[in-house]
Amino acid sequence: MDKRIFTQHPRCKLAFVKDDSKLTITNDKGEKWEFPYETNRIFELDSDKRYVMLIEECGYARLLASDFLGVRESPRLSYPGLTPDFFTFKGVFDPDCVFEDRNGVVYTATVAKSKREHRWNMG
């Protein structure tokens, strides 16, 4: 992967972050994967078409998923500087990220609470 995709766009400088948290992905077929929390690195669920990547935007974890895993609409459609050829789905952890593949299998991704989206009650 060319690291310039994370630094070349003026509004899209995505830091490389690594900590003790875990990214856990499960699906409704009973499959489960666990990866170290590391941004800007591709994690393969198989050797062909299922892969994801974590990024952090303003300290919040975001999940990017391959075209095969991007059937559902994402709350975020694009990130400047990242190529859509690899990552069609850009999901937000709030508190989990749910996505679906082309075969109708539903996946849920979770990260440690400190990396989830936080909502503030302003009332």
N, C-alpha and C. Protein backbone atom coordinates (compact mmCIF):
# COMPACT_ATOMS: atom_id res chain seq x y z
N MET A 1 0.84 -1.18 0.00
CA MET A 1 0.00 0.00 0.00
C MET A 1 0.89 1.24 0.00
N ASP A 2 0.56 2.18 -0.83
CA ASP A 2 1.32 3.41 -0.94
C ASP A 2 0.90 4.35 0.19
N LYS A 3 1.81 4.66 1.10
CA LYS A 3 1.49 5.48 2.27
C LYS A 3 1.13 6.91 1.91
N ARG A 4 1.44 7.34 0.69
CA ARG A 4 1.10 8.71 0.29
C ARG A 4 -0.41 8.95 0.27
N ILE A 5 -1.20 7.87 0.13
CA ILE A 5 -2.66 8.09 0.11
C ILE A 5 -3.15 8.64 1.44
N PHE A 6 -2.36 8.51 2.50
CA PHE A 6 -2.77 9.03 3.81
C PHE A 6 -2.23 10.42 4.09
N THR A 7 -1.37 10.93 3.24
CA THR A 7 -0.72 12.21 3.52
C THR A 7 -0.81 13.22 2.39
N GLN A 8 -1.17 12.81 1.19
CA GLN A 8 -1.08 13.72 0.05
C GLN A 8 -2.22 14.73 -0.04
N HIS A 9 -3.38 14.41 0.51
CA HIS A 9 -4.50 15.34 0.44
C HIS A 9 -4.45 16.26 1.65
N PRO A 10 -4.58 17.58 1.46
CA PRO A 10 -4.42 18.52 2.57
C PRO A 10 -5.43 18.34 3.70
N ARG A 11 -6.62 17.80 3.43
CA ARG A 11 -7.63 17.62 4.47
C ARG A 11 -7.69 16.18 4.99
N CYS A 12 -6.79 15.34 4.54
CA CYS A 12 -6.89 13.93 4.87
C CYS A 12 -5.56 13.37 5.34
N LYS A 13 -5.04 13.89 6.43
CA LYS A 13 -3.80 13.37 7.00
C LYS A 13 -4.18 12.38 8.10
N LEU A 14 -4.19 11.11 7.76
CA LEU A 14 -4.64 10.08 8.68
C LEU A 14 -3.44 9.47 9.38
N ALA A 15 -3.37 9.67 10.67
CA ALA A 15 -2.23 9.20 11.45
C ALA A 15 -2.23 7.68 11.55
N PHE A 16 -1.04 7.10 11.71
CA PHE A 16 -0.89 5.69 11.98
C PHE A 16 -1.01 5.52 13.49
N VAL A 17 -2.02 4.79 13.94
CA VAL A 17 -2.29 4.62 15.37
C VAL A 17 -2.28 3.13 15.68
N LYS A 18 -1.61 2.78 16.78
CA LYS A 18 -1.56 1.40 17.23
C LYS A 18 -1.67 1.42 18.74
N ASP A 19 -2.58 0.60 19.30
CA ASP A 19 -2.67 0.51 20.75
C ASP A 19 -3.10 -0.90 21.16
N ASP A 20 -3.44 -1.10 22.42
CA ASP A 20 -3.76 -2.43 22.94
C ASP A 20 -5.19 -2.87 22.67
N SER A 21 -5.99 -2.04 22.04
CA SER A 21 -7.37 -2.40 21.73
C SER A 21 -7.40 -3.49 20.66
N LYS A 22 -8.57 -4.05 20.47
CA LYS A 22 -8.76 -5.08 19.45
C LYS A 22 -9.93 -4.70 18.55
N LEU A 23 -9.83 -5.08 17.29
CA LEU A 23 -10.93 -5.00 16.34
C LEU A 23 -11.48 -6.42 16.23
N THR A 24 -12.76 -6.59 16.55
CA THR A 24 -13.39 -7.90 16.45
C THR A 24 -14.51 -7.82 15.43
N ILE A 25 -14.51 -8.77 14.50
CA ILE A 25 -15.53 -8.84 13.46
C ILE A 25 -16.19 -10.21 13.54
N THR A 26 -17.52 -10.22 13.58
CA THR A 26 -18.29 -11.45 13.55
C THR A 26 -19.34 -11.34 12.45
N ASN A 27 -19.85 -12.49 12.00
CA ASN A 27 -20.96 -12.43 11.05
C ASN A 27 -22.04 -13.41 11.44
N ASP A 28 -23.17 -13.34 10.74
CA ASP A 28 -24.32 -14.17 11.11
C ASP A 28 -24.17 -15.62 10.67
N LYS A 29 -23.03 -15.98 10.08
CA LYS A 29 -22.73 -17.38 9.77
C LYS A 29 -21.86 -18.02 10.85
N GLY A 30 -21.52 -17.24 11.89
CA GLY A 30 -20.73 -17.76 12.99
C GLY A 30 -19.23 -17.57 12.84
N GLU A 31 -18.78 -16.90 11.80
CA GLU A 31 -17.35 -16.64 11.64
C GLU A 31 -16.93 -15.49 12.54
N LYS A 32 -15.67 -15.54 12.99
CA LYS A 32 -15.16 -14.50 13.87
C LYS A 32 -13.68 -14.25 13.56
N TRP A 33 -13.31 -12.96 13.56
CA TRP A 33 -11.92 -12.55 13.35
C TRP A 33 -11.56 -11.54 14.43
N GLU A 34 -10.33 -11.57 14.87
CA GLU A 34 -9.85 -10.58 15.83
C GLU A 34 -8.49 -10.09 15.34
N PHE A 35 -8.35 -8.77 15.31
CA PHE A 35 -7.14 -8.14 14.82
C PHE A 35 -6.65 -7.13 15.85
N PRO A 36 -5.36 -6.85 15.87
CA PRO A 36 -4.87 -5.77 16.75
C PRO A 36 -5.39 -4.44 16.24
N TYR A 37 -5.55 -3.48 17.15
CA TYR A 37 -5.99 -2.15 16.74
C TYR A 37 -4.80 -1.44 16.09
N GLU A 38 -4.86 -1.35 14.80
CA GLU A 38 -3.80 -0.68 14.04
C GLU A 38 -4.43 -0.03 12.83
N THR A 39 -4.26 1.28 12.71
CA THR A 39 -4.89 1.98 11.60
C THR A 39 -4.03 1.90 10.34
N ASN A 40 -4.68 2.16 9.22
CA ASN A 40 -4.02 2.28 7.91
C ASN A 40 -3.33 0.98 7.50
N ARG A 41 -3.89 -0.13 7.93
CA ARG A 41 -3.36 -1.45 7.58
C ARG A 41 -4.53 -2.32 7.14
N ILE A 42 -4.36 -3.05 6.05
CA ILE A 42 -5.41 -3.91 5.54
C ILE A 42 -5.46 -5.21 6.35
N PHE A 43 -6.68 -5.57 6.78
CA PHE A 43 -6.92 -6.83 7.47
C PHE A 43 -7.78 -7.70 6.55
N GLU A 44 -7.30 -8.88 6.22
CA GLU A 44 -8.00 -9.77 5.30
C GLU A 44 -8.86 -10.76 6.06
N LEU A 45 -10.13 -10.86 5.66
CA LEU A 45 -11.02 -11.87 6.21
C LEU A 45 -10.94 -13.14 5.38
N ASP A 46 -10.51 -13.02 4.16
CA ASP A 46 -10.17 -14.15 3.30
C ASP A 46 -9.08 -13.69 2.34
N SER A 47 -8.63 -14.56 1.47
CA SER A 47 -7.53 -14.20 0.58
C SER A 47 -8.01 -13.62 -0.75
N ASP A 48 -9.29 -13.32 -0.84
CA ASP A 48 -9.83 -12.91 -2.13
C ASP A 48 -10.50 -11.54 -2.12
N LYS A 49 -11.68 -11.44 -1.51
CA LYS A 49 -12.46 -10.21 -1.68
C LYS A 49 -12.98 -9.58 -0.40
N ARG A 50 -12.75 -10.18 0.75
CA ARG A 50 -13.23 -9.60 2.01
C ARG A 50 -12.05 -9.03 2.78
N TYR A 51 -11.98 -7.71 2.85
CA TYR A 51 -10.93 -7.07 3.62
C TYR A 51 -11.41 -5.72 4.13
N VAL A 52 -10.83 -5.31 5.25
CA VAL A 52 -11.20 -4.07 5.90
C VAL A 52 -9.95 -3.32 6.31
N MET A 53 -10.13 -2.05 6.67
CA MET A 53 -9.04 -1.25 7.20
C MET A 53 -9.62 -0.26 8.20
N LEU A 54 -8.91 -0.05 9.29
CA LEU A 54 -9.28 0.97 10.28
C LEU A 54 -8.55 2.26 9.95
N ILE A 55 -9.24 3.37 10.14
CA ILE A 55 -8.59 4.68 10.14
C ILE A 55 -9.12 5.42 11.36
N GLU A 56 -8.43 6.46 11.74
CA GLU A 56 -8.94 7.34 12.80
C GLU A 56 -9.10 8.73 12.22
N GLU A 57 -10.26 9.30 12.51
CA GLU A 57 -10.56 10.66 12.11
C GLU A 57 -10.94 11.41 13.37
N CYS A 58 -10.16 12.42 13.72
CA CYS A 58 -10.40 13.22 14.92
C CYS A 58 -10.47 12.34 16.17
N GLY A 59 -9.68 11.28 16.23
CA GLY A 59 -9.63 10.42 17.39
C GLY A 59 -10.69 9.33 17.43
N TYR A 60 -11.56 9.25 16.42
CA TYR A 60 -12.60 8.25 16.39
C TYR A 60 -12.29 7.19 15.34
N ALA A 61 -12.56 5.93 15.69
CA ALA A 61 -12.31 4.82 14.78
C ALA A 61 -13.35 4.79 13.67
N ARG A 62 -12.89 4.54 12.47
CA ARG A 62 -13.75 4.38 11.30
C ARG A 62 -13.32 3.10 10.60
N LEU A 63 -14.27 2.40 10.00
CA LEU A 63 -13.96 1.17 9.29
C LEU A 63 -14.18 1.37 7.80
N LEU A 64 -13.21 0.98 7.01
CA LEU A 64 -13.34 0.98 5.57
C LEU A 64 -13.39 -0.47 5.13
N ALA A 65 -14.29 -0.81 4.23
CA ALA A 65 -14.46 -2.19 3.80
C ALA A 65 -14.42 -2.29 2.29
N SER A 66 -14.02 -3.45 1.82
CA SER A 66 -13.90 -3.69 0.39
C SER A 66 -15.26 -3.65 -0.30
N ASP A 67 -15.22 -3.56 -1.61
CA ASP A 67 -16.42 -3.48 -2.42
C ASP A 67 -17.36 -4.66 -2.15
N PHE A 68 -16.83 -5.85 -1.99
CA PHE A 68 -17.64 -7.04 -1.74
C PHE A 68 -18.42 -6.92 -0.43
N LEU A 69 -17.85 -6.22 0.55
CA LEU A 69 -18.49 -6.05 1.86
C LEU A 69 -19.32 -4.79 1.96
N GLY A 70 -19.44 -4.05 0.88
CA GLY A 70 -20.08 -2.73 0.93
C GLY A 70 -21.47 -2.67 0.36
N VAL A 71 -22.32 -3.66 0.64
CA VAL A 71 -23.67 -3.67 0.08
C VAL A 71 -24.56 -2.62 0.74
N ARG A 72 -24.49 -2.51 2.06
CA ARG A 72 -25.33 -1.52 2.77
C ARG A 72 -24.80 -0.12 2.57
N GLU A 73 -25.70 0.84 2.65
CA GLU A 73 -25.27 2.23 2.57
C GLU A 73 -24.50 2.60 3.82
N SER A 74 -23.47 3.37 3.63
CA SER A 74 -22.66 3.82 4.75
C SER A 74 -23.08 5.23 5.16
N PRO A 75 -22.96 5.56 6.46
CA PRO A 75 -23.25 6.92 6.88
C PRO A 75 -22.23 7.92 6.36
N ARG A 76 -21.04 7.44 5.97
CA ARG A 76 -20.03 8.31 5.38
C ARG A 76 -19.69 7.76 4.01
N LEU A 77 -19.68 8.58 3.01
CA LEU A 77 -19.51 8.08 1.65
C LEU A 77 -18.08 8.11 1.15
N SER A 78 -17.25 9.01 1.63
CA SER A 78 -15.88 9.04 1.09
C SER A 78 -14.96 9.79 2.03
N TYR A 79 -13.69 9.53 1.87
CA TYR A 79 -12.65 10.27 2.55
C TYR A 79 -11.71 10.81 1.50
N PRO A 80 -11.45 12.10 1.49
CA PRO A 80 -10.54 12.67 0.49
C PRO A 80 -9.18 11.99 0.57
N GLY A 81 -8.63 11.63 -0.56
CA GLY A 81 -7.30 11.04 -0.60
C GLY A 81 -7.30 9.53 -0.58
N LEU A 82 -8.41 8.89 -0.21
CA LEU A 82 -8.48 7.43 -0.23
C LEU A 82 -9.18 6.98 -1.49
N THR A 83 -8.62 5.99 -2.13
CA THR A 83 -9.18 5.54 -3.40
C THR A 83 -10.40 4.65 -3.19
N PRO A 84 -11.50 4.90 -3.89
CA PRO A 84 -12.69 4.07 -3.75
C PRO A 84 -12.52 2.70 -4.40
N ASP A 85 -11.45 2.49 -5.17
CA ASP A 85 -11.22 1.18 -5.79
C ASP A 85 -11.06 0.09 -4.74
N PHE A 86 -10.50 0.41 -3.59
CA PHE A 86 -10.29 -0.57 -2.55
C PHE A 86 -11.39 -0.57 -1.51
N PHE A 87 -11.90 0.61 -1.14
CA PHE A 87 -12.81 0.69 -0.01
C PHE A 87 -14.08 1.42 -0.39
N THR A 88 -15.12 0.64 -0.68
CA THR A 88 -16.41 1.21 -1.03
C THR A 88 -17.17 1.66 0.21
N PHE A 89 -17.14 0.84 1.26
CA PHE A 89 -17.91 1.12 2.47
C PHE A 89 -17.04 1.84 3.50
N LYS A 90 -17.52 2.94 4.01
CA LYS A 90 -16.85 3.67 5.08
C LYS A 90 -17.80 3.75 6.25
N GLY A 91 -17.62 2.93 7.25
CA GLY A 91 -18.58 2.83 8.34
C GLY A 91 -18.11 3.51 9.61
N VAL A 92 -19.07 3.88 10.42
CA VAL A 92 -18.81 4.59 11.67
C VAL A 92 -19.16 3.66 12.84
N PHE A 93 -18.30 3.55 13.82
CA PHE A 93 -18.59 2.78 15.03
C PHE A 93 -19.47 3.63 15.94
N ASP A 94 -20.70 3.19 16.17
CA ASP A 94 -21.61 4.00 16.97
C ASP A 94 -22.72 3.17 17.60
N PRO A 95 -22.53 2.27 18.52
CA PRO A 95 -21.27 1.83 19.10
C PRO A 95 -20.60 0.73 18.29
N ASP A 96 -21.34 0.09 17.37
CA ASP A 96 -20.76 -0.94 16.51
C ASP A 96 -20.90 -0.51 15.06
N CYS A 97 -20.19 -1.18 14.21
CA CYS A 97 -20.29 -0.93 12.77
C CYS A 97 -20.90 -2.18 12.13
N VAL A 98 -22.01 -2.04 11.43
CA VAL A 98 -22.69 -3.16 10.80
C VAL A 98 -22.60 -2.99 9.29
N PHE A 99 -22.21 -4.07 8.61
CA PHE A 99 -22.13 -4.02 7.15
C PHE A 99 -22.54 -5.38 6.59
N GLU A 100 -22.72 -5.44 5.28
CA GLU A 100 -23.26 -6.64 4.64
C GLU A 100 -22.49 -6.92 3.36
N ASP A 101 -22.30 -8.22 3.07
CA ASP A 101 -21.60 -8.57 1.83
C ASP A 101 -22.60 -8.86 0.71
N ARG A 102 -22.07 -9.12 -0.47
CA ARG A 102 -22.92 -9.35 -1.65
C ARG A 102 -23.74 -10.62 -1.57
N ASN A 103 -23.38 -11.54 -0.66
CA ASN A 103 -24.14 -12.77 -0.48
C ASN A 103 -25.21 -12.63 0.60
N GLY A 104 -25.38 -11.44 1.17
CA GLY A 104 -26.39 -11.21 2.19
C GLY A 104 -25.95 -11.53 3.60
N VAL A 105 -24.67 -11.83 3.80
CA VAL A 105 -24.15 -12.11 5.14
C VAL A 105 -23.92 -10.79 5.85
N VAL A 106 -24.41 -10.68 7.09
CA VAL A 106 -24.31 -9.44 7.87
C VAL A 106 -23.16 -9.57 8.86
N TYR A 107 -22.33 -8.54 8.92
CA TYR A 107 -21.15 -8.49 9.78
C TYR A 107 -21.32 -7.39 10.82
N THR A 108 -20.74 -7.62 11.99
CA THR A 108 -20.68 -6.60 13.03
C THR A 108 -19.23 -6.46 13.46
N ALA A 109 -18.74 -5.23 13.45
CA ALA A 109 -17.37 -4.95 13.89
C ALA A 109 -17.45 -4.11 15.16
N THR A 110 -16.60 -4.43 16.12
CA THR A 110 -16.55 -3.68 17.37
C THR A 110 -15.09 -3.37 17.71
N VAL A 111 -14.92 -2.28 18.43
CA VAL A 111 -13.61 -1.92 18.97
C VAL A 111 -13.79 -1.53 20.43
N ALA A 112 -12.69 -1.37 21.12
CA ALA A 112 -12.75 -0.99 22.53
C ALA A 112 -13.57 0.28 22.71
N LYS A 113 -14.22 0.41 23.86
CA LYS A 113 -15.10 1.55 24.13
C LYS A 113 -14.40 2.88 23.90
N SER A 114 -13.13 2.98 24.22
CA SER A 114 -12.42 4.25 24.07
C SER A 114 -12.29 4.67 22.62
N LYS A 115 -12.52 3.75 21.69
CA LYS A 115 -12.39 4.06 20.27
C LYS A 115 -13.73 4.25 19.58
N ARG A 116 -14.81 4.12 20.31
CA ARG A 116 -16.13 4.24 19.69
C ARG A 116 -16.53 5.70 19.57
N GLU A 117 -17.55 5.90 18.79
CA GLU A 117 -18.14 7.23 18.64
C GLU A 117 -18.84 7.59 19.95
N HIS A 118 -18.72 8.80 20.39
CA HIS A 118 -19.38 9.24 21.61
C HIS A 118 -20.45 10.27 21.27
N ARG A 119 -21.61 10.12 21.89
CA ARG A 119 -22.68 11.09 21.71
C ARG A 119 -22.87 11.82 23.02
N TRP A 120 -23.00 13.11 22.95
CA TRP A 120 -23.16 13.92 24.16
C TRP A 120 -24.62 14.32 24.28
N ASN A 121 -25.17 14.18 25.47
CA ASN A 121 -26.53 14.60 25.76
C ASN A 121 -26.48 16.08 26.14
N MET A 122 -27.01 16.92 25.27
CA MET A 122 -26.94 18.36 25.50
C MET A 122 -28.25 18.90 26.05
N GLY A 123 -28.98 18.09 26.76
CA GLY A 123 -30.28 18.55 27.24
C GLY A 123 -30.33 18.48 28.69
